[in-house]
């Protein structure tokens, strides 16, 4: 049965399963982030306004470019599978006649499986309680009467508001760098998937009995 499976359809099933598995593996992350988003405006209003003022740090073009590349690659995948070759059907038996495609499929396929497996296995955790503690401290120094008093008695050498602003900027720069790295990996992941799919479709297109 396996030699006669449509590899194009099997590849589509693989993409759907990887989406479901990856989503399941990150349910805890999504829950923690959602909780922070829901409680943030009421719990840290001044801190969030400060973060909003510096949001351009995270939205730099160098950060958005990888995401744009990933979106373009996904668009190519959709066009190739739905519009260019919607009738594509190739099996392992068919590929036996295209021996020159096996090294390409194996190389790209192993890379795709390796990166997909890495993203499924390696899921970083968010210490929400620890993060909330730091956010509470920052909000406290932005609202308490002690901040201007401390600035006054130290002749401006210690300015809690400026210290919080500096730490927020450092944190956003760190988020920007991490987001950029993550998006590049996402672009590579999407690219390998598209290349593997295109390799299958190219094998079908060049197979005399299937065209």
Protein backbone atom coordinates (compact mmCIF):
# COMPACT_ATOMS: atom_id res chain seq x y z
CA UNK A 1 0.00 0.00 0.00
CA UNK A 2 2.78 2.45 0.91
CA UNK A 3 4.44 2.34 -2.55
CA UNK A 4 1.12 3.46 -4.09
CA UNK A 5 0.29 6.35 -1.74
CA UNK A 6 -0.01 9.76 -3.36
CA UNK A 7 3.01 11.57 -1.90
CA UNK A 8 1.54 15.00 -2.70
CA UNK A 9 -1.52 14.24 -0.56
CA UNK A 10 0.68 12.64 2.09
CA UNK A 11 2.77 15.79 2.21
CA UNK A 12 -0.37 17.89 2.72
CA UNK A 13 -1.42 15.58 5.56
CA UNK A 14 2.04 15.97 7.09
CA UNK A 15 1.75 19.77 7.05
CA UNK A 16 -1.66 19.63 8.73
CA UNK A 17 -0.42 17.21 11.41
CA UNK A 18 2.65 19.33 12.13
CA UNK A 19 0.41 22.37 12.61
CA UNK A 20 -1.82 20.48 15.07
CA UNK A 21 1.11 18.96 16.99
CA UNK A 22 2.97 22.27 17.23
CA UNK A 23 -0.19 24.04 18.44
CA UNK A 24 -0.80 21.34 21.07
CA UNK A 25 2.79 21.56 22.30
CA UNK A 26 2.44 25.31 22.83
CA UNK A 27 -0.98 25.46 24.48
CA UNK A 28 0.63 26.40 27.80
CA UNK A 29 2.53 29.28 26.20
CA UNK A 30 -0.59 30.61 24.50
CA UNK A 31 -2.54 30.41 27.76
CA UNK A 32 0.13 32.32 29.73
CA UNK A 33 0.46 35.03 27.08
CA UNK A 34 -3.32 35.41 26.86
CA UNK A 35 -3.54 35.74 30.63
CA UNK A 36 -0.92 38.49 30.59
CA UNK A 37 -2.72 40.32 27.80
CA UNK A 38 -6.05 40.17 29.62
CA UNK A 39 -4.72 41.35 33.00
CA UNK A 40 -2.15 43.82 31.68
CA UNK A 41 -4.24 46.96 31.03
CA UNK A 42 -5.75 46.97 34.53
CA UNK A 43 -2.66 45.76 36.41
CA UNK A 44 0.17 47.65 34.66
CA UNK A 45 -1.41 50.64 32.86
CA UNK A 46 1.54 53.06 33.09
CA UNK A 47 4.07 50.40 32.20
CA UNK A 48 2.07 49.40 29.13
CA UNK A 49 1.89 53.03 28.01
CA UNK A 50 5.66 53.23 28.36
CA UNK A 51 6.07 50.04 26.31
CA UNK A 52 3.71 51.40 23.64
CA UNK A 53 5.87 54.52 23.30
CA UNK A 54 8.86 52.34 22.43
CA UNK A 55 7.07 49.72 20.32
CA UNK A 56 9.02 50.83 17.24
CA UNK A 57 12.02 48.92 18.64
CA UNK A 58 10.20 45.63 18.07
CA UNK A 59 8.61 46.66 14.76
CA UNK A 60 11.83 47.44 12.88
CA UNK A 61 12.06 46.39 9.24
CA UNK A 62 14.84 43.89 9.96
CA UNK A 63 12.41 42.04 12.24
CA UNK A 64 9.46 42.12 9.85
CA UNK A 65 11.49 40.94 6.82
CA UNK A 66 11.80 37.27 7.86
CA UNK A 67 8.06 37.09 8.53
CA UNK A 68 7.41 38.55 5.08
CA UNK A 69 9.70 35.93 3.54
CA UNK A 70 7.83 33.16 5.37
CA UNK A 71 4.52 34.55 4.12
CA UNK A 72 5.80 34.66 0.52
CA UNK A 73 7.05 31.08 0.74
CA UNK A 74 3.68 29.91 2.06
CA UNK A 75 2.02 31.76 -0.81
CA UNK A 76 4.25 29.95 -3.32
CA UNK A 77 3.33 26.65 -1.69
CA UNK A 78 -0.39 27.40 -1.99
CA UNK A 79 -0.14 28.54 -5.63
CA UNK A 80 1.89 25.51 -6.66
CA UNK A 81 -0.40 23.00 -4.95
CA UNK A 82 -3.79 24.58 -5.74
CA UNK A 83 -3.34 26.38 -9.06
CA UNK A 84 -0.32 25.12 -11.00
CA UNK A 85 -0.47 21.36 -10.38
CA UNK A 86 -3.80 20.57 -8.67
CA UNK A 87 -3.93 17.16 -10.36
CA UNK A 88 -0.45 16.11 -9.23
CA UNK A 89 -0.25 12.46 -8.20
CA UNK A 90 3.04 10.67 -7.69
CA UNK A 91 3.89 7.59 -5.63
CA UNK A 92 7.03 5.87 -4.42
CA UNK A 93 6.67 3.45 -7.30
CA UNK A 94 6.62 6.34 -9.74
CA UNK A 95 9.69 7.88 -8.13
CA UNK A 96 11.59 4.66 -8.70
CA UNK A 97 11.80 5.71 -12.35
CA UNK A 98 13.19 9.13 -11.38
CA UNK A 99 16.35 7.96 -9.61
CA UNK A 100 18.00 11.38 -9.93
CA UNK A 101 15.33 12.90 -7.65
CA UNK A 102 16.02 10.63 -4.68
CA UNK A 103 19.13 12.51 -3.41
CA UNK A 104 17.29 15.85 -3.66
CA UNK A 105 14.18 14.56 -1.89
CA UNK A 106 16.25 12.83 0.79
CA UNK A 107 18.41 15.90 1.50
CA UNK A 108 15.53 18.38 1.64
CA UNK A 109 13.23 15.92 3.40
CA UNK A 110 15.74 15.16 6.16
CA UNK A 111 16.34 18.88 6.68
CA UNK A 112 12.59 19.51 6.87
CA UNK A 113 12.00 16.65 9.31
CA UNK A 114 14.97 17.75 11.44
CA UNK A 115 13.82 21.37 11.83
CA UNK A 116 10.17 20.41 12.30
CA UNK A 117 11.16 17.88 14.95
CA UNK A 118 13.37 20.45 16.68
CA UNK A 119 10.49 22.93 16.92
CA UNK A 120 8.15 20.24 18.26
CA UNK A 121 10.58 18.93 20.88
CA UNK A 122 12.13 22.22 21.98
CA UNK A 123 9.34 24.35 23.44
CA UNK A 124 10.53 27.10 25.78
CA UNK A 125 8.46 27.77 28.87
CA UNK A 126 7.27 31.14 30.14
CA UNK A 127 7.68 31.74 33.87
CA UNK A 128 4.55 33.87 34.19
CA UNK A 129 4.79 34.29 37.96
CA UNK A 130 8.38 35.53 37.79
CA UNK A 131 7.53 37.87 34.93
CA UNK A 132 4.51 39.26 36.77
CA UNK A 133 6.72 39.99 39.77
CA UNK A 134 9.08 42.15 37.68
CA UNK A 135 6.16 43.88 35.99
CA UNK A 136 4.63 44.66 39.38
CA UNK A 137 7.93 46.18 40.55
CA UNK A 138 8.20 48.34 37.42
CA UNK A 139 4.60 49.54 37.75
CA UNK A 140 5.19 50.32 41.44
CA UNK A 141 8.12 52.65 40.69
CA UNK A 142 6.11 54.38 37.96
CA UNK A 143 3.20 55.14 40.32
CA UNK A 144 4.59 55.46 43.83
CA UNK A 145 5.30 58.84 45.46
CA UNK A 146 8.67 57.48 46.54
CA UNK A 147 10.11 57.78 43.03
CA UNK A 148 10.13 61.62 42.78
CA UNK A 149 11.23 61.88 46.42
CA UNK A 150 14.16 59.55 45.79
CA UNK A 151 15.12 61.54 42.71
CA UNK A 152 14.98 64.78 44.70
CA UNK A 153 17.04 63.64 47.70
CA UNK A 154 19.73 62.14 45.42
CA UNK A 155 19.85 65.31 43.27
CA UNK A 156 18.75 63.31 40.24
CA UNK A 157 21.46 60.66 40.49
CA UNK A 158 18.81 58.02 41.15
CA UNK A 159 15.77 58.41 38.91
CA UNK A 160 13.44 55.38 39.23
CA UNK A 161 11.35 56.46 36.23
CA UNK A 162 14.40 56.69 34.00
CA UNK A 163 15.69 53.36 35.31
CA UNK A 164 12.39 51.67 34.45
CA UNK A 165 12.46 53.30 31.00
CA UNK A 166 15.99 51.99 30.40
CA UNK A 167 15.07 48.47 31.50
CA UNK A 168 11.97 48.50 29.30
CA UNK A 169 14.09 49.54 26.31
CA UNK A 170 16.62 46.78 27.00
CA UNK A 171 13.83 44.22 27.32
CA UNK A 172 12.22 45.31 24.05
CA UNK A 173 15.57 45.17 22.25
CA UNK A 174 16.02 41.64 23.56
CA UNK A 175 12.54 40.70 22.37
CA UNK A 176 13.29 42.25 18.97
CA UNK A 177 16.48 40.20 18.58
CA UNK A 178 14.81 36.98 19.72
CA UNK A 179 11.83 37.59 17.44
CA UNK A 180 14.11 38.21 14.49
CA UNK A 181 16.02 34.96 15.07
CA UNK A 182 12.79 33.02 15.50
CA UNK A 183 11.29 34.42 12.31
CA UNK A 184 14.39 33.52 10.32
CA UNK A 185 14.08 29.93 11.54
CA UNK A 186 10.40 30.00 10.60
CA UNK A 187 11.38 31.21 7.12
CA UNK A 188 13.89 28.35 6.79
CA UNK A 189 11.27 25.89 8.02
CA UNK A 190 8.72 27.12 5.49
CA UNK A 191 11.35 27.17 2.74
CA UNK A 192 12.33 23.53 3.29
CA UNK A 193 8.70 22.49 3.21
CA UNK A 194 8.13 24.33 -0.03
CA UNK A 195 11.30 22.91 -1.60
CA UNK A 196 10.29 19.39 -0.65
CA UNK A 197 6.83 19.89 -2.13
CA UNK A 198 8.24 21.43 -5.29
CA UNK A 199 10.67 18.52 -5.63
CA UNK A 200 7.72 16.12 -5.54
CA UNK A 201 5.81 18.16 -8.08
CA UNK A 202 8.87 18.43 -10.32
CA UNK A 203 9.22 14.64 -10.24
CA UNK A 204 5.57 14.34 -11.27
CA UNK A 205 5.93 16.95 -14.02
CA UNK A 206 8.95 15.17 -15.51
CA UNK A 207 7.47 11.69 -15.22
CA UNK A 208 6.35 10.78 -18.79
CA UNK A 209 3.51 8.48 -17.73
CA UNK A 210 1.95 10.95 -15.30
CA UNK A 211 1.82 14.18 -17.25
